[in-house]
Amino acid sequence: MAIRAITFDLWDTVIRDDSDEAKRAARGLPSKREARRAHSHALFEGRTGVTKPVFDLVYDTMESAFNHVWHEQHVTWTVDERLEVLEAALRCPLPKDERAALVRTLEEMEVDVPPDPVGGIGDAIAELAARFPLAVVSDAIYSPGRCLRRWLEMHGLLDSFGAFAFSDEVGHSKPHRSMFAHVAAELGVAVDEMLHIGDRDHNDIKGPHALGMKAVLFTASRDRDRDATTADAVCERASELAESVLRLAGEG
């Protein structure tokens, strides 16, 4: 099948994951991991008196359950759903206004202190957008689609994409077919007429391959899967992406 559209993963493909941690440290802020736990504990502690060791055990169990559901069922719980698990375990329903405020605090950390784009990715996206319709296909772990769109807008990238599949909005995460089928329908192409670019072999390469797509492993930010990938091409730099895609599309 001809390649008629390109889909992009976000984390460690367009967004350099955890590049915001140095900015947080420079501002005297704790890491995101520490801050999310501390904000959650403070709210529950004020209502239940739960001690930090007990809360940590409950919180760690919730995180393990999240990862199991993510990897085995291809679903990413929203922040609100994570809080539901904590509420049930601690037998402490939160007031709606306090819960909503906590959800926004946890969701918007990567908007308040944004991570950086991967070097050169803006130029690569612009070059490909001149040749193909583009879409984002991304899991939403803490930052939902609403916040990820804001990040893209902050960096002048939002308008380059004609469709978006975020796991909190679609209801499944990669490599579930619905993530790719959602943007294919939005762009008016068949799933197997798309090529995906991402950094993880299981989700971004083998997942699309199972759907008849082509896939490029992009290793500029994360290269742990390079030696075992089945990707149609491997790119180390953003400046190589357009050339690789055009070659796979038979235009290079």
Protein backbone atom coordinates (compact mmCIF):
# COMPACT_ATOMS: atom_id res chain seq x y z
CA MET A 1 0.00 0.00 0.00
CA ALA A 2 1.13 3.54 -0.69
CA ILE A 3 2.03 5.69 2.31
CA ARG A 4 -0.53 8.47 2.49
CA ALA A 5 -0.13 9.76 6.08
CA ILE A 6 2.41 9.85 8.91
CA THR A 7 1.71 9.33 12.61
CA PHE A 8 3.98 10.49 15.43
CA ASP A 9 4.44 9.21 18.94
CA LEU A 10 5.06 12.11 21.37
CA TRP A 11 7.14 11.01 24.35
CA ASP A 12 10.84 10.69 23.46
CA THR A 13 9.91 11.26 19.82
CA VAL A 14 8.62 14.84 19.82
CA ILE A 15 8.88 15.60 23.57
CA ARG A 16 12.13 14.82 25.38
CA ASP A 17 10.77 12.96 28.39
CA ASP A 18 11.84 14.26 31.81
CA SER A 19 13.79 17.18 30.33
CA ASP A 20 11.62 19.27 32.64
CA GLU A 21 13.18 17.76 35.76
CA ALA A 22 16.29 19.97 35.58
CA LYS A 23 14.01 23.01 35.26
CA ARG A 24 12.03 21.92 38.29
CA ALA A 25 15.21 21.43 40.31
CA ALA A 26 16.46 24.88 39.28
CA ARG A 27 13.23 26.36 40.66
CA GLY A 28 13.58 24.44 43.91
CA LEU A 29 10.70 22.12 43.03
CA PRO A 30 10.66 18.39 43.79
CA SER A 31 10.61 15.87 40.97
CA LYS A 32 7.26 15.19 39.35
CA ARG A 33 7.16 11.75 40.93
CA GLU A 34 7.74 13.18 44.40
CA ALA A 35 5.36 16.10 43.88
CA ARG A 36 2.47 13.95 42.65
CA ARG A 37 2.77 11.65 45.63
CA ALA A 38 3.14 14.54 48.10
CA HIS A 39 0.11 16.43 46.75
CA SER A 40 -2.02 13.29 46.94
CA HIS A 41 -0.84 12.37 50.43
CA ALA A 42 -1.48 15.88 51.76
CA LEU A 43 -5.11 15.79 50.66
CA PHE A 44 -5.83 12.31 52.04
CA GLU A 45 -3.81 12.89 55.22
CA GLY A 46 -5.93 15.90 56.07
CA ARG A 47 -9.07 13.79 55.93
CA THR A 48 -7.95 10.37 57.19
CA GLY A 49 -4.78 10.94 59.19
CA VAL A 50 -3.16 8.20 57.11
CA THR A 51 0.56 7.93 57.85
CA LYS A 52 3.16 8.35 55.11
CA PRO A 53 4.31 4.68 55.18
CA VAL A 54 0.74 3.41 54.84
CA PHE A 55 -0.08 5.93 52.13
CA ASP A 56 3.09 5.00 50.23
CA LEU A 57 2.07 1.33 50.27
CA VAL A 58 -1.40 2.17 48.93
CA TYR A 59 0.02 4.59 46.35
CA ASP A 60 2.62 2.07 45.12
CA THR A 61 -0.08 -0.57 44.76
CA MET A 62 -2.17 1.83 42.69
CA GLU A 63 0.81 2.60 40.44
CA SER A 64 1.51 -1.12 39.96
CA ALA A 65 -2.12 -1.70 39.04
CA PHE A 66 -1.97 1.20 36.57
CA ASN A 67 1.09 -0.31 34.87
CA HIS A 68 -0.52 -3.76 34.71
CA VAL A 69 -3.67 -2.41 33.06
CA TRP A 70 -1.59 -0.24 30.71
CA HIS A 71 0.68 -3.04 29.52
CA GLU A 72 -1.76 -5.96 29.58
CA GLN A 73 -5.09 -4.36 28.69
CA HIS A 74 -3.80 -1.35 26.72
CA VAL A 75 -5.73 1.15 28.79
CA THR A 76 -4.30 4.17 30.63
CA TRP A 77 -6.33 5.20 33.66
CA THR A 78 -6.91 8.93 33.85
CA VAL A 79 -5.68 10.85 36.88
CA ASP A 80 -9.28 10.96 38.09
CA GLU A 81 -9.50 7.16 37.85
CA ARG A 82 -6.24 6.80 39.80
CA LEU A 83 -7.73 8.91 42.56
CA GLU A 84 -10.82 6.67 42.57
CA VAL A 85 -8.53 3.73 43.36
CA LEU A 86 -6.90 5.65 46.22
CA GLU A 87 -10.29 6.72 47.55
CA ALA A 88 -11.54 3.13 47.57
CA ALA A 89 -8.39 1.75 49.20
CA LEU A 90 -8.36 4.45 51.90
CA ARG A 91 -12.17 4.45 52.24
CA CYS A 92 -12.17 8.20 51.89
CA PRO A 93 -14.27 9.84 49.15
CA LEU A 94 -12.92 13.30 48.43
CA PRO A 95 -15.10 16.40 48.05
CA LYS A 96 -15.65 17.06 44.33
CA ASP A 97 -14.03 20.49 44.33
CA GLU A 98 -10.89 19.33 46.17
CA ARG A 99 -10.61 16.27 43.98
CA ALA A 100 -10.99 18.33 40.80
CA ALA A 101 -8.30 20.76 41.98
CA LEU A 102 -5.91 17.88 42.69
CA VAL A 103 -6.60 16.33 39.29
CA ARG A 104 -5.70 19.59 37.53
CA THR A 105 -2.55 20.02 39.62
CA LEU A 106 -1.33 16.53 38.73
CA GLU A 107 -2.33 16.75 35.08
CA GLU A 108 -0.80 20.15 34.38
CA MET A 109 2.71 19.73 35.80
CA GLU A 110 4.13 19.24 32.31
CA VAL A 111 2.38 22.41 31.13
CA ASP A 112 3.38 24.54 34.13
CA VAL A 113 7.03 23.43 33.74
CA PRO A 114 7.15 22.05 30.19
CA PRO A 115 9.72 19.53 28.93
CA ASP A 116 11.71 20.41 25.82
CA PRO A 117 11.15 19.26 22.25
CA VAL A 118 13.58 16.70 20.86
CA GLY A 119 16.33 18.56 19.02
CA GLY A 120 15.42 19.42 15.43
CA ILE A 121 12.00 17.75 15.57
CA GLY A 122 10.13 20.93 14.66
CA ASP A 123 11.95 21.19 11.33
CA ALA A 124 11.39 17.50 10.62
CA ILE A 125 7.67 17.81 11.33
CA ALA A 126 7.41 20.87 9.08
CA GLU A 127 9.22 19.10 6.26
CA LEU A 128 6.96 16.05 6.48
CA ALA A 129 3.81 18.16 6.88
CA ALA A 130 4.55 19.70 3.50
CA ARG A 131 4.29 16.23 1.92
CA PHE A 132 1.84 14.22 4.05
CA PRO A 133 -1.07 14.66 6.46
CA LEU A 134 0.27 14.15 9.99
CA ALA A 135 -1.33 12.81 13.16
CA VAL A 136 -0.33 12.29 16.79
CA VAL A 137 -0.80 8.84 18.35
CA SER A 138 0.26 9.04 21.99
CA ASP A 139 -0.36 7.41 25.35
CA ALA A 140 -1.39 9.81 28.10
CA ILE A 141 0.16 8.77 31.40
CA TYR A 142 -0.40 11.86 33.56
CA SER A 143 -0.76 14.67 31.02
CA PRO A 144 -4.08 14.13 29.17
CA GLY A 145 -4.72 15.04 25.57
CA ARG A 146 -5.93 18.47 26.68
CA CYS A 147 -2.51 19.25 28.15
CA LEU A 148 -0.52 17.61 25.37
CA ARG A 149 -2.31 19.81 22.83
CA ARG A 150 -1.32 22.81 24.93
CA TRP A 151 2.31 21.65 24.93
CA LEU A 152 2.24 21.31 21.13
CA GLU A 153 0.69 24.76 20.81
CA MET A 154 3.32 26.28 23.14
CA HIS A 155 6.03 24.99 20.81
CA GLY A 156 4.33 25.98 17.55
CA LEU A 157 3.62 22.39 16.49
CA LEU A 158 -0.11 21.93 16.99
CA ASP A 159 -1.21 23.18 13.57
CA SER A 160 1.08 20.70 11.79
CA PHE A 161 -1.18 17.83 12.83
CA GLY A 162 -4.58 17.10 11.37
CA ALA A 163 -5.69 14.39 13.81
CA PHE A 164 -4.96 13.24 17.36
CA ALA A 165 -5.35 9.95 19.22
CA PHE A 166 -4.63 10.30 22.93
CA SER A 167 -5.23 7.22 25.06
CA ASP A 168 -7.34 9.09 27.62
CA GLU A 169 -9.70 10.19 24.84
CA VAL A 170 -9.76 7.06 22.66
CA GLY A 171 -10.10 4.67 25.61
CA HIS A 172 -7.16 2.46 24.66
CA SER A 173 -3.40 2.91 24.47
CA LYS A 174 -0.84 1.79 21.91
CA PRO A 175 -0.51 -0.66 20.31
CA HIS A 176 -4.31 -1.16 20.30
CA ARG A 177 -5.75 -0.88 16.81
CA SER A 178 -8.29 1.77 17.85
CA MET A 179 -5.51 4.30 18.44
CA PHE A 180 -4.39 4.12 14.83
CA ALA A 181 -7.88 3.56 13.38
CA HIS A 182 -9.06 6.76 15.08
CA VAL A 183 -6.60 9.01 13.24
CA ALA A 184 -6.92 7.05 9.99
CA ALA A 185 -10.64 7.83 9.97
CA GLU A 186 -9.95 11.49 10.78
CA LEU A 187 -7.44 11.76 7.93
CA GLY A 188 -9.52 9.77 5.44
CA VAL A 189 -6.93 7.05 4.83
CA ALA A 190 -6.71 3.32 5.52
CA VAL A 191 -4.75 2.20 8.57
CA ASP A 192 -2.24 0.33 6.40
CA GLU A 193 -1.65 3.49 4.35
CA MET A 194 0.04 5.16 7.34
CA LEU A 195 3.63 5.12 8.59
CA HIS A 196 4.34 5.54 12.30
CA ILE A 197 7.38 7.17 13.93
CA GLY A 198 8.25 6.36 17.54
CA ASP A 199 10.93 5.25 19.99
CA ARG A 200 9.61 1.95 21.46
CA ASP A 201 9.84 -1.24 19.46
CA HIS A 202 6.83 -2.97 21.05
CA ASN A 203 4.34 -0.10 20.86
CA ASP A 204 5.68 1.98 17.97
CA ILE A 205 7.08 -0.67 15.64
CA LYS A 206 5.56 -4.10 16.24
CA GLY A 207 2.16 -2.59 17.00
CA PRO A 208 1.91 -0.73 13.66
CA HIS A 209 3.47 -3.69 11.80
CA ALA A 210 0.66 -5.92 13.08
CA LEU A 211 -1.78 -3.51 11.44
CA GLY A 212 0.02 -3.57 8.08
CA MET A 213 1.72 -0.20 8.59
CA LYS A 214 5.36 0.71 8.11
CA ALA A 215 7.26 2.08 11.08
CA VAL A 216 10.44 4.06 11.81
CA LEU A 217 12.31 3.73 15.10
CA PHE A 218 13.52 7.18 16.18
CA THR A 219 16.43 6.97 18.62
CA ALA A 220 17.46 10.60 19.16
CA SER A 221 16.20 10.64 22.75
CA ARG A 222 15.85 6.94 23.63
CA ASP A 223 17.80 4.17 21.90
CA ARG A 224 17.27 1.12 24.15
CA ASP A 225 15.35 -0.80 21.46
CA ARG A 226 17.73 -0.14 18.61
CA ASP A 227 19.53 -3.51 18.59
CA ALA A 228 16.36 -5.62 18.67
CA THR A 229 13.99 -3.62 16.51
CA THR A 230 12.12 -4.87 13.46
CA ALA A 231 11.61 -1.30 12.20
CA ASP A 232 11.62 -0.55 8.50
CA ALA A 233 14.20 2.15 9.22
CA VAL A 234 16.13 3.51 12.22
CA CYS A 235 16.85 7.24 12.55
CA GLU A 236 19.28 8.73 15.07
CA ARG A 237 18.61 12.38 14.22
CA ALA A 238 15.53 14.38 13.41
CA SER A 239 17.25 15.64 10.26
CA GLU A 240 17.14 12.07 8.90
CA LEU A 241 13.42 11.51 9.35
CA ALA A 242 12.08 13.06 6.16
CA GLU A 243 14.64 11.25 4.00
CA SER A 244 13.82 7.89 5.64
CA VAL A 245 10.08 8.37 5.25
CA LEU A 246 10.38 9.43 1.61
CA ARG A 247 12.55 6.42 0.88
CA LEU A 248 9.98 4.06 2.42
CA ALA A 249 7.25 5.86 0.48
CA GLY A 250 9.19 5.25 -2.74
CA GLU A 251 9.90 8.94 -3.21
CA GLY A 252 13.51 9.02 -2.00
